[in-house]
Amino acid sequence: MIGTFVNVGTILAGSLIGGLFRKAMNEKISEGLLSAMGLAAFGLGINAVVQNMPKSQYPVLFIVSLALGCVIGTLLQLDRRVGALTERRGGDGKLGQGIVTGCLIFCIGTLSILGPVQSALYGDHTYLFTNASLDFVTSMVLASAYGPGIALCAAVLFLWQGSIYLLTTLVGGFITDVMMTEISVVGGFLIAMSGLSIMKVKDFHTLNYLPALLVPVLWCLVMG
């Protein structure tokens, strides 16, 4: 898991550097950065949907995933619980939104998902090292807008990539191209939703939709 440790380290470093820069910024610059991050997240999400939806073998699976994810997440009150947690830890009310956006950007992508698989099966860390360099820049920008609390995303990334690594070690290459496509479609919608929330177009409470990412995984495993 060398690649995952490097990836986690770059997010921690980027969050620290970005957090230090934030102290030197005025309110207008901070608001501008938030808008820029919202627009970037929306663009990344739409790009993921456009790229992967034509390859989907289950065209309505993303609708079912979002619906089930919303119901489960709302019942569990994920958005409210995480928001309250970040505020108790000194957040300004926006940190929770930044963490959600960061986790989605860091975790949902070809490099972050296939990287642990390549590492477990072949000892090849190329994908994860590449992902680490991208996440370093992204975490700096996020932390400059939301503060060093973005470093919490590193823990989520470790659990995410560590789980994939462990499952791959135990059961082999369980992540198929079909599963990757379906996860990417749902993840793309979630990233786009997060971007719209940041830009204050509409607050989707994206955290409540996170369980939607499990639906394509379970569906593809059941379908074999």
C-alpha atoms as a PDB file:
ATOM      1  CA  MET A   1       0.000   0.000   0.000  1.00  0.00           C
ATOM      2  CA  ILE A   2       2.948   2.309  -0.581  1.00  0.00           C
ATOM      3  CA  GLY A   3       1.048   4.219  -3.251  1.00  0.00           C
ATOM      4  CA  THR A   4      -1.902   4.840  -0.928  1.00  0.00           C
ATOM      5  CA  PHE A   5       0.374   6.133   1.850  1.00  0.00           C
ATOM      6  CA  VAL A   6       1.985   8.535  -0.632  1.00  0.00           C
ATOM      7  CA  ASN A   7      -1.458   9.660  -1.822  1.00  0.00           C
ATOM      8  CA  VAL A   8      -2.585  10.286   1.764  1.00  0.00           C
ATOM      9  CA  GLY A   9       0.623  12.193   2.494  1.00  0.00           C
ATOM     10  CA  THR A  10       0.177  14.543  -0.460  1.00  0.00           C
ATOM     11  CA  ILE A  11      -3.382  15.414   0.631  1.00  0.00           C
ATOM     12  CA  LEU A  12      -2.166  16.165   4.167  1.00  0.00           C
ATOM     13  CA  ALA A  13       0.675  18.320   2.838  1.00  0.00           C
ATOM     14  CA  GLY A  14      -1.549  20.120   0.349  1.00  0.00           C
ATOM     15  CA  SER A  15      -4.166  20.800   3.022  1.00  0.00           C
ATOM     16  CA  LEU A  16      -1.558  22.272   5.366  1.00  0.00           C
ATOM     17  CA  ILE A  17      -0.074  24.529   2.689  1.00  0.00           C
ATOM     18  CA  GLY A  18      -3.484  25.652   1.444  1.00  0.00           C
ATOM     19  CA  GLY A  19      -4.641  26.317   5.000  1.00  0.00           C
ATOM     20  CA  LEU A  20      -1.640  28.579   5.592  1.00  0.00           C
ATOM     21  CA  PHE A  21      -2.380  30.518   2.395  1.00  0.00           C
ATOM     22  CA  ARG A  22      -5.975  31.011   3.472  1.00  0.00           C
ATOM     23  CA  LYS A  23      -4.933  33.161   6.409  1.00  0.00           C
ATOM     24  CA  ALA A  24      -3.450  35.700   3.997  1.00  0.00           C
ATOM     25  CA  MET A  25      -6.607  35.962   1.874  1.00  0.00           C
ATOM     26  CA  ASN A  26      -9.405  38.487   2.229  1.00  0.00           C
ATOM     27  CA  GLU A  27     -13.094  37.637   2.063  1.00  0.00           C
ATOM     28  CA  LYS A  28     -13.484  38.466  -1.634  1.00  0.00           C
ATOM     29  CA  ILE A  29     -10.655  36.139  -2.645  1.00  0.00           C
ATOM     30  CA  SER A  30     -12.066  33.350  -0.481  1.00  0.00           C
ATOM     31  CA  GLU A  31     -15.518  33.734  -2.015  1.00  0.00           C
ATOM     32  CA  GLY A  32     -13.966  33.749  -5.482  1.00  0.00           C
ATOM     33  CA  LEU A  33     -12.116  30.530  -4.735  1.00  0.00           C
ATOM     34  CA  LEU A  34     -15.315  28.905  -3.527  1.00  0.00           C
ATOM     35  CA  SER A  35     -17.067  29.827  -6.762  1.00  0.00           C
ATOM     36  CA  ALA A  36     -14.114  28.541  -8.794  1.00  0.00           C
ATOM     37  CA  MET A  37     -14.108  25.228  -6.912  1.00  0.00           C
ATOM     38  CA  GLY A  38     -17.862  24.899  -7.385  1.00  0.00           C
ATOM     39  CA  LEU A  39     -17.586  25.471 -11.108  1.00  0.00           C
ATOM     40  CA  ALA A  40     -14.634  23.074 -11.397  1.00  0.00           C
ATOM     41  CA  ALA A  41     -16.469  20.350  -9.448  1.00  0.00           C
ATOM     42  CA  PHE A  42     -19.570  20.779 -11.609  1.00  0.00           C
ATOM     43  CA  GLY A  43     -17.457  20.493 -14.772  1.00  0.00           C
ATOM     44  CA  LEU A  44     -15.648  17.391 -13.511  1.00  0.00           C
ATOM     45  CA  GLY A  45     -18.933  15.755 -12.606  1.00  0.00           C
ATOM     46  CA  ILE A  46     -20.575  16.433 -15.960  1.00  0.00           C
ATOM     47  CA  ASN A  47     -17.447  15.215 -17.771  1.00  0.00           C
ATOM     48  CA  ALA A  48     -17.546  11.919 -15.840  1.00  0.00           C
ATOM     49  CA  VAL A  49     -21.233  11.448 -16.700  1.00  0.00           C
ATOM     50  CA  VAL A  50     -20.792  12.275 -20.393  1.00  0.00           C
ATOM     51  CA  GLN A  51     -17.775   9.993 -20.741  1.00  0.00           C
ATOM     52  CA  ASN A  52     -19.273   6.976 -18.986  1.00  0.00           C
ATOM     53  CA  MET A  53     -23.031   7.054 -19.583  1.00  0.00           C
ATOM     54  CA  PRO A  54     -22.767   5.915 -23.255  1.00  0.00           C
ATOM     55  CA  LYS A  55     -20.814   2.852 -22.036  1.00  0.00           C
ATOM     56  CA  SER A  56     -23.318   1.924 -19.310  1.00  0.00           C
ATOM     57  CA  GLN A  57     -24.905  -1.512 -19.625  1.00  0.00           C
ATOM     58  CA  TYR A  58     -27.661  -0.602 -17.168  1.00  0.00           C
ATOM     59  CA  PRO A  59     -29.030   2.773 -18.379  1.00  0.00           C
ATOM     60  CA  VAL A  60     -31.450   3.287 -15.469  1.00  0.00           C
ATOM     61  CA  LEU A  61     -29.156   2.037 -12.706  1.00  0.00           C
ATOM     62  CA  PHE A  62     -27.930   5.532 -11.895  1.00  0.00           C
ATOM     63  CA  ILE A  63     -31.530   6.696 -11.339  1.00  0.00           C
ATOM     64  CA  VAL A  64     -32.215   3.818  -8.951  1.00  0.00           C
ATOM     65  CA  SER A  65     -28.870   4.428  -7.227  1.00  0.00           C
ATOM     66  CA  LEU A  66     -29.527   8.127  -6.637  1.00  0.00           C
ATOM     67  CA  ALA A  67     -33.062   7.440  -5.399  1.00  0.00           C
ATOM     68  CA  LEU A  68     -32.029   4.685  -2.978  1.00  0.00           C
ATOM     69  CA  GLY A  69     -28.979   6.630  -1.872  1.00  0.00           C
ATOM     70  CA  CYS A  70     -31.110   9.675  -1.085  1.00  0.00           C
ATOM     71  CA  VAL A  71     -33.607   7.647   0.950  1.00  0.00           C
ATOM     72  CA  ILE A  72     -30.902   5.848   2.951  1.00  0.00           C
ATOM     73  CA  GLY A  73     -28.779   8.942   3.503  1.00  0.00           C
ATOM     74  CA  THR A  74     -31.766  11.054   4.545  1.00  0.00           C
ATOM     75  CA  LEU A  75     -32.945   8.418   7.013  1.00  0.00           C
ATOM     76  CA  LEU A  76     -29.429   8.273   8.469  1.00  0.00           C
ATOM     77  CA  GLN A  77     -29.259  12.104   8.470  1.00  0.00           C
ATOM     78  CA  LEU A  78     -25.710  11.991   7.112  1.00  0.00           C
ATOM     79  CA  ASP A  79     -25.619  15.638   6.059  1.00  0.00           C
ATOM     80  CA  ARG A  80     -26.832  16.945   9.419  1.00  0.00           C
ATOM     81  CA  ARG A  81     -24.545  14.678  11.447  1.00  0.00           C
ATOM     82  CA  VAL A  82     -21.370  15.547   9.515  1.00  0.00           C
ATOM     83  CA  GLY A  83     -22.285  19.242   9.501  1.00  0.00           C
ATOM     84  CA  ALA A  84     -22.698  19.220  13.282  1.00  0.00           C
ATOM     85  CA  LEU A  85     -19.419  17.327  13.700  1.00  0.00           C
ATOM     86  CA  THR A  86     -17.385  19.811  11.652  1.00  0.00           C
ATOM     87  CA  GLU A  87     -18.925  22.773  13.480  1.00  0.00           C
ATOM     88  CA  ARG A  88     -18.046  21.253  16.863  1.00  0.00           C
ATOM     89  CA  ARG A  89     -14.472  20.901  15.657  1.00  0.00           C
ATOM     90  CA  GLY A  90     -14.232  24.585  14.870  1.00  0.00           C
ATOM     91  CA  GLY A  91     -15.561  24.643  11.320  1.00  0.00           C
ATOM     92  CA  ASP A  92     -17.407  27.619   9.889  1.00  0.00           C
ATOM     93  CA  GLY A  93     -20.391  25.628   8.641  1.00  0.00           C
ATOM     94  CA  LYS A  94     -18.914  25.288   5.160  1.00  0.00           C
ATOM     95  CA  LEU A  95     -16.168  22.827   6.027  1.00  0.00           C
ATOM     96  CA  GLY A  96     -18.517  19.845   5.790  1.00  0.00           C
ATOM     97  CA  GLN A  97     -19.420  20.834   2.231  1.00  0.00           C
ATOM     98  CA  GLY A  98     -15.732  21.155   1.365  1.00  0.00           C
ATOM     99  CA  ILE A  99     -14.926  17.741   2.822  1.00  0.00           C
ATOM    100  CA  VAL A 100     -17.718  16.110   0.817  1.00  0.00           C
ATOM    101  CA  THR A 101     -16.484  17.740  -2.384  1.00  0.00           C
ATOM    102  CA  GLY A 102     -12.898  16.776  -1.649  1.00  0.00           C
ATOM    103  CA  CYS A 103     -13.724  13.153  -0.834  1.00  0.00           C
ATOM    104  CA  LEU A 104     -15.743  12.778  -4.032  1.00  0.00           C
ATOM    105  CA  ILE A 105     -13.015  14.307  -6.200  1.00  0.00           C
ATOM    106  CA  PHE A 106     -10.237  12.317  -4.485  1.00  0.00           C
ATOM    107  CA  CYS A 107     -12.032   8.955  -4.374  1.00  0.00           C
ATOM    108  CA  ILE A 108     -14.219   8.770  -7.490  1.00  0.00           C
ATOM    109  CA  GLY A 109     -11.983   8.382 -10.474  1.00  0.00           C
ATOM    110  CA  THR A 110     -10.113   5.805 -12.521  1.00  0.00           C
ATOM    111  CA  LEU A 111      -6.760   6.448 -10.847  1.00  0.00           C
ATOM    112  CA  SER A 112      -8.089   6.272  -7.293  1.00  0.00           C
ATOM    113  CA  ILE A 113     -10.087   3.075  -7.912  1.00  0.00           C
ATOM    114  CA  LEU A 114      -7.812   1.136 -10.255  1.00  0.00           C
ATOM    115  CA  GLY A 115      -4.651   2.319  -8.477  1.00  0.00           C
ATOM    116  CA  PRO A 116      -5.098   0.045  -5.424  1.00  0.00           C
ATOM    117  CA  VAL A 117      -6.052  -2.837  -7.736  1.00  0.00           C
ATOM    118  CA  GLN A 118      -2.835  -2.461  -9.752  1.00  0.00           C
ATOM    119  CA  SER A 119      -0.878  -2.124  -6.527  1.00  0.00           C
ATOM    120  CA  ALA A 120      -2.372  -5.283  -4.980  1.00  0.00           C
ATOM    121  CA  LEU A 121      -2.179  -7.493  -8.075  1.00  0.00           C
ATOM    122  CA  TYR A 122       1.074  -6.377  -9.695  1.00  0.00           C
ATOM    123  CA  GLY A 123       2.891  -4.166  -7.184  1.00  0.00           C
ATOM    124  CA  ASP A 124       2.556  -1.309  -9.686  1.00  0.00           C
ATOM    125  CA  HIS A 125       2.044   2.056  -7.952  1.00  0.00           C
ATOM    126  CA  THR A 126       2.098   4.239 -11.075  1.00  0.00           C
ATOM    127  CA  TYR A 127      -1.614   5.095 -10.969  1.00  0.00           C
ATOM    128  CA  LEU A 128      -1.493   6.014  -7.289  1.00  0.00           C
ATOM    129  CA  PHE A 129       1.643   8.161  -7.641  1.00  0.00           C
ATOM    130  CA  THR A 130       0.002  10.032 -10.519  1.00  0.00           C
ATOM    131  CA  ASN A 131      -3.176  10.426  -8.490  1.00  0.00           C
ATOM    132  CA  ALA A 132      -1.124  11.712  -5.551  1.00  0.00           C
ATOM    133  CA  SER A 133       0.342  14.567  -7.591  1.00  0.00           C
ATOM    134  CA  LEU A 134      -3.119  15.616  -8.785  1.00  0.00           C
ATOM    135  CA  ASP A 135      -4.584  15.394  -5.279  1.00  0.00           C
ATOM    136  CA  PHE A 136      -1.748  17.524  -3.898  1.00  0.00           C
ATOM    137  CA  VAL A 137      -2.774  20.470  -6.072  1.00  0.00           C
ATOM    138  CA  THR A 138      -6.497  19.894  -5.513  1.00  0.00           C
ATOM    139  CA  SER A 139      -6.136  19.704  -1.724  1.00  0.00           C
ATOM    140  CA  MET A 140      -4.177  22.978  -1.699  1.00  0.00           C
ATOM    141  CA  VAL A 141      -6.944  24.773  -3.583  1.00  0.00           C
ATOM    142  CA  LEU A 142      -9.679  23.241  -1.414  1.00  0.00           C
ATOM    143  CA  ALA A 143      -7.856  24.063   1.824  1.00  0.00           C
ATOM    144  CA  SER A 144      -7.257  27.640   0.699  1.00  0.00           C
ATOM    145  CA  ALA A 145     -11.037  27.961   0.332  1.00  0.00           C
ATOM    146  CA  TYR A 146     -12.255  25.878   3.299  1.00  0.00           C
ATOM    147  CA  GLY A 147      -9.290  25.644   5.643  1.00  0.00           C
ATOM    148  CA  PRO A 148      -6.884  22.890   6.759  1.00  0.00           C
ATOM    149  CA  GLY A 149      -9.829  20.732   7.880  1.00  0.00           C
ATOM    150  CA  ILE A 150      -9.776  19.376   4.315  1.00  0.00           C
ATOM    151  CA  ALA A 151      -7.025  17.090   5.652  1.00  0.00           C
ATOM    152  CA  LEU A 152      -9.866  14.891   6.978  1.00  0.00           C
ATOM    153  CA  CYS A 153     -10.332  13.765   3.373  1.00  0.00           C
ATOM    154  CA  ALA A 154      -7.027  11.910   3.705  1.00  0.00           C
ATOM    155  CA  ALA A 155      -8.574   9.543   6.265  1.00  0.00           C
ATOM    156  CA  VAL A 156     -11.523   8.845   3.952  1.00  0.00           C
ATOM    157  CA  LEU A 157      -9.165   8.216   1.023  1.00  0.00           C
ATOM    158  CA  PHE A 158      -7.113   5.813   3.129  1.00  0.00           C
ATOM    159  CA  LEU A 159     -10.205   3.799   4.084  1.00  0.00           C
ATOM    160  CA  TRP A 160     -11.460   3.848   0.473  1.00  0.00           C
ATOM    161  CA  GLN A 161      -8.230   2.759  -1.210  1.00  0.00           C
ATOM    162  CA  GLY A 162      -7.327   0.454   1.663  1.00  0.00           C
ATOM    163  CA  SER A 163     -10.644  -1.386   1.321  1.00  0.00           C
ATOM    164  CA  ILE A 164     -10.156  -1.795  -2.424  1.00  0.00           C
ATOM    165  CA  TYR A 165      -6.601  -3.037  -1.855  1.00  0.00           C
ATOM    166  CA  LEU A 166      -7.737  -5.547   0.780  1.00  0.00           C
ATOM    167  CA  LEU A 167     -10.640  -6.858  -1.303  1.00  0.00           C
ATOM    168  CA  THR A 168      -8.395  -7.218  -4.350  1.00  0.00           C
ATOM    169  CA  THR A 169      -5.836  -9.123  -2.283  1.00  0.00           C
ATOM    170  CA  LEU A 170      -8.534 -11.473  -0.966  1.00  0.00           C
ATOM    171  CA  VAL A 171     -10.706 -12.034  -4.048  1.00  0.00           C
ATOM    172  CA  GLY A 172      -8.620 -10.836  -6.975  1.00  0.00           C
ATOM    173  CA  GLY A 173      -9.706  -8.279  -9.560  1.00  0.00           C
ATOM    174  CA  PHE A 174     -13.321  -7.901  -8.399  1.00  0.00           C
ATOM    175  CA  ILE A 175     -13.634  -4.431  -9.980  1.00  0.00           C
ATOM    176  CA  THR A 176     -14.767  -4.974 -13.562  1.00  0.00           C
ATOM    177  CA  ASP A 177     -15.002  -2.441 -16.368  1.00  0.00           C
ATOM    178  CA  VAL A 178     -18.782  -2.524 -16.025  1.00  0.00           C
ATOM    179  CA  MET A 179     -18.607  -1.737 -12.309  1.00  0.00           C
ATOM    180  CA  MET A 180     -16.129   1.102 -12.944  1.00  0.00           C
ATOM    181  CA  THR A 181     -18.465   2.613 -15.526  1.00  0.00           C
ATOM    182  CA  GLU A 182     -21.549   2.479 -13.300  1.00  0.00           C
ATOM    183  CA  ILE A 183     -19.692   3.898 -10.282  1.00  0.00           C
ATOM    184  CA  SER A 184     -18.279   6.697 -12.424  1.00  0.00           C
ATOM    185  CA  VAL A 185     -21.736   7.682 -13.716  1.00  0.00           C
ATOM    186  CA  VAL A 186     -23.225   7.903 -10.217  1.00  0.00           C
ATOM    187  CA  GLY A 187     -20.090   9.565  -8.861  1.00  0.00           C
ATOM    188  CA  GLY A 188     -20.187  12.109 -11.674  1.00  0.00           C
ATOM    189  CA  PHE A 189     -23.700  13.162 -10.705  1.00  0.00           C
ATOM    190  CA  LEU A 190     -22.670  13.478  -7.050  1.00  0.00           C
ATOM    191  CA  ILE A 191     -19.644  15.639  -7.912  1.00  0.00           C
ATOM    192  CA  ALA A 192     -21.829  17.855 -10.129  1.00  0.00           C
ATOM    193  CA  MET A 193     -24.400  18.154  -7.312  1.00  0.00           C
ATOM    194  CA  SER A 194     -21.648  19.169  -4.926  1.00  0.00           C
ATOM    195  CA  GLY A 195     -20.478  21.831  -7.366  1.00  0.00           C
ATOM    196  CA  LEU A 196     -23.978  23.298  -7.654  1.00  0.00           C
ATOM    197  CA  SER A 197     -24.255  23.364  -3.863  1.00  0.00           C
ATOM    198  CA  ILE A 198     -20.957  25.231  -3.543  1.00  0.00           C
ATOM    199  CA  MET A 199     -22.097  27.816  -6.110  1.00  0.00           C
ATOM    200  CA  LYS A 200     -25.347  28.169  -4.121  1.00  0.00           C
ATOM    201  CA  VAL A 201     -27.469  27.282  -7.146  1.00  0.00           C
ATOM    202  CA  LYS A 202     -29.242  24.654  -5.032  1.00  0.00           C
ATOM    203  CA  ASP A 203     -28.239  22.928  -1.817  1.00  0.00           C
ATOM    204  CA  PHE A 204     -28.598  19.230  -2.585  1.00  0.00           C
ATOM    205  CA  HIS A 205     -27.224  18.046   0.795  1.00  0.00           C
ATOM    206  CA  THR A 206     -24.876  15.836  -1.208  1.00  0.00           C
ATOM    207  CA  LEU A 207     -23.814  13.808   1.822  1.00  0.00           C
ATOM    208  CA  ASN A 208     -27.273  12.279   1.956  1.00  0.00           C
ATOM    209  CA  TYR A 209     -26.695  10.836  -1.520  1.00  0.00           C
ATOM    210  CA  LEU A 210     -23.370   9.128  -0.757  1.00  0.00           C
ATOM    211  CA  PRO A 211     -24.952   5.660  -0.181  1.00  0.00           C
ATOM    212  CA  ALA A 212     -25.836   5.780  -3.894  1.00  0.00           C
ATOM    213  CA  LEU A 213     -22.238   4.769  -4.653  1.00  0.00           C
ATOM    214  CA  LEU A 214     -22.808   1.360  -3.040  1.00  0.00           C
ATOM    215  CA  VAL A 215     -25.746   0.457  -5.266  1.00  0.00           C
ATOM    216  CA  PRO A 216     -23.740  -0.086  -8.520  1.00  0.00           C
ATOM    217  CA  VAL A 217     -21.158  -2.130  -6.604  1.00  0.00           C
ATOM    218  CA  LEU A 218     -23.773  -4.444  -5.092  1.00  0.00           C
ATOM    219  CA  TRP A 219     -25.699  -4.678  -8.358  1.00  0.00           C
ATOM    220  CA  CYS A 220     -22.620  -5.653 -10.383  1.00  0.00           C
ATOM    221  CA  LEU A 221     -21.555  -8.205  -7.771  1.00  0.00           C
ATOM    222  CA  VAL A 222     -25.022  -9.784  -7.807  1.00  0.00           C
ATOM    223  CA  MET A 223     -25.089  -9.824 -11.615  1.00  0.00           C
ATOM    224  CA  GLY A 224     -21.728 -11.541 -11.606  1.00  0.00           C
END
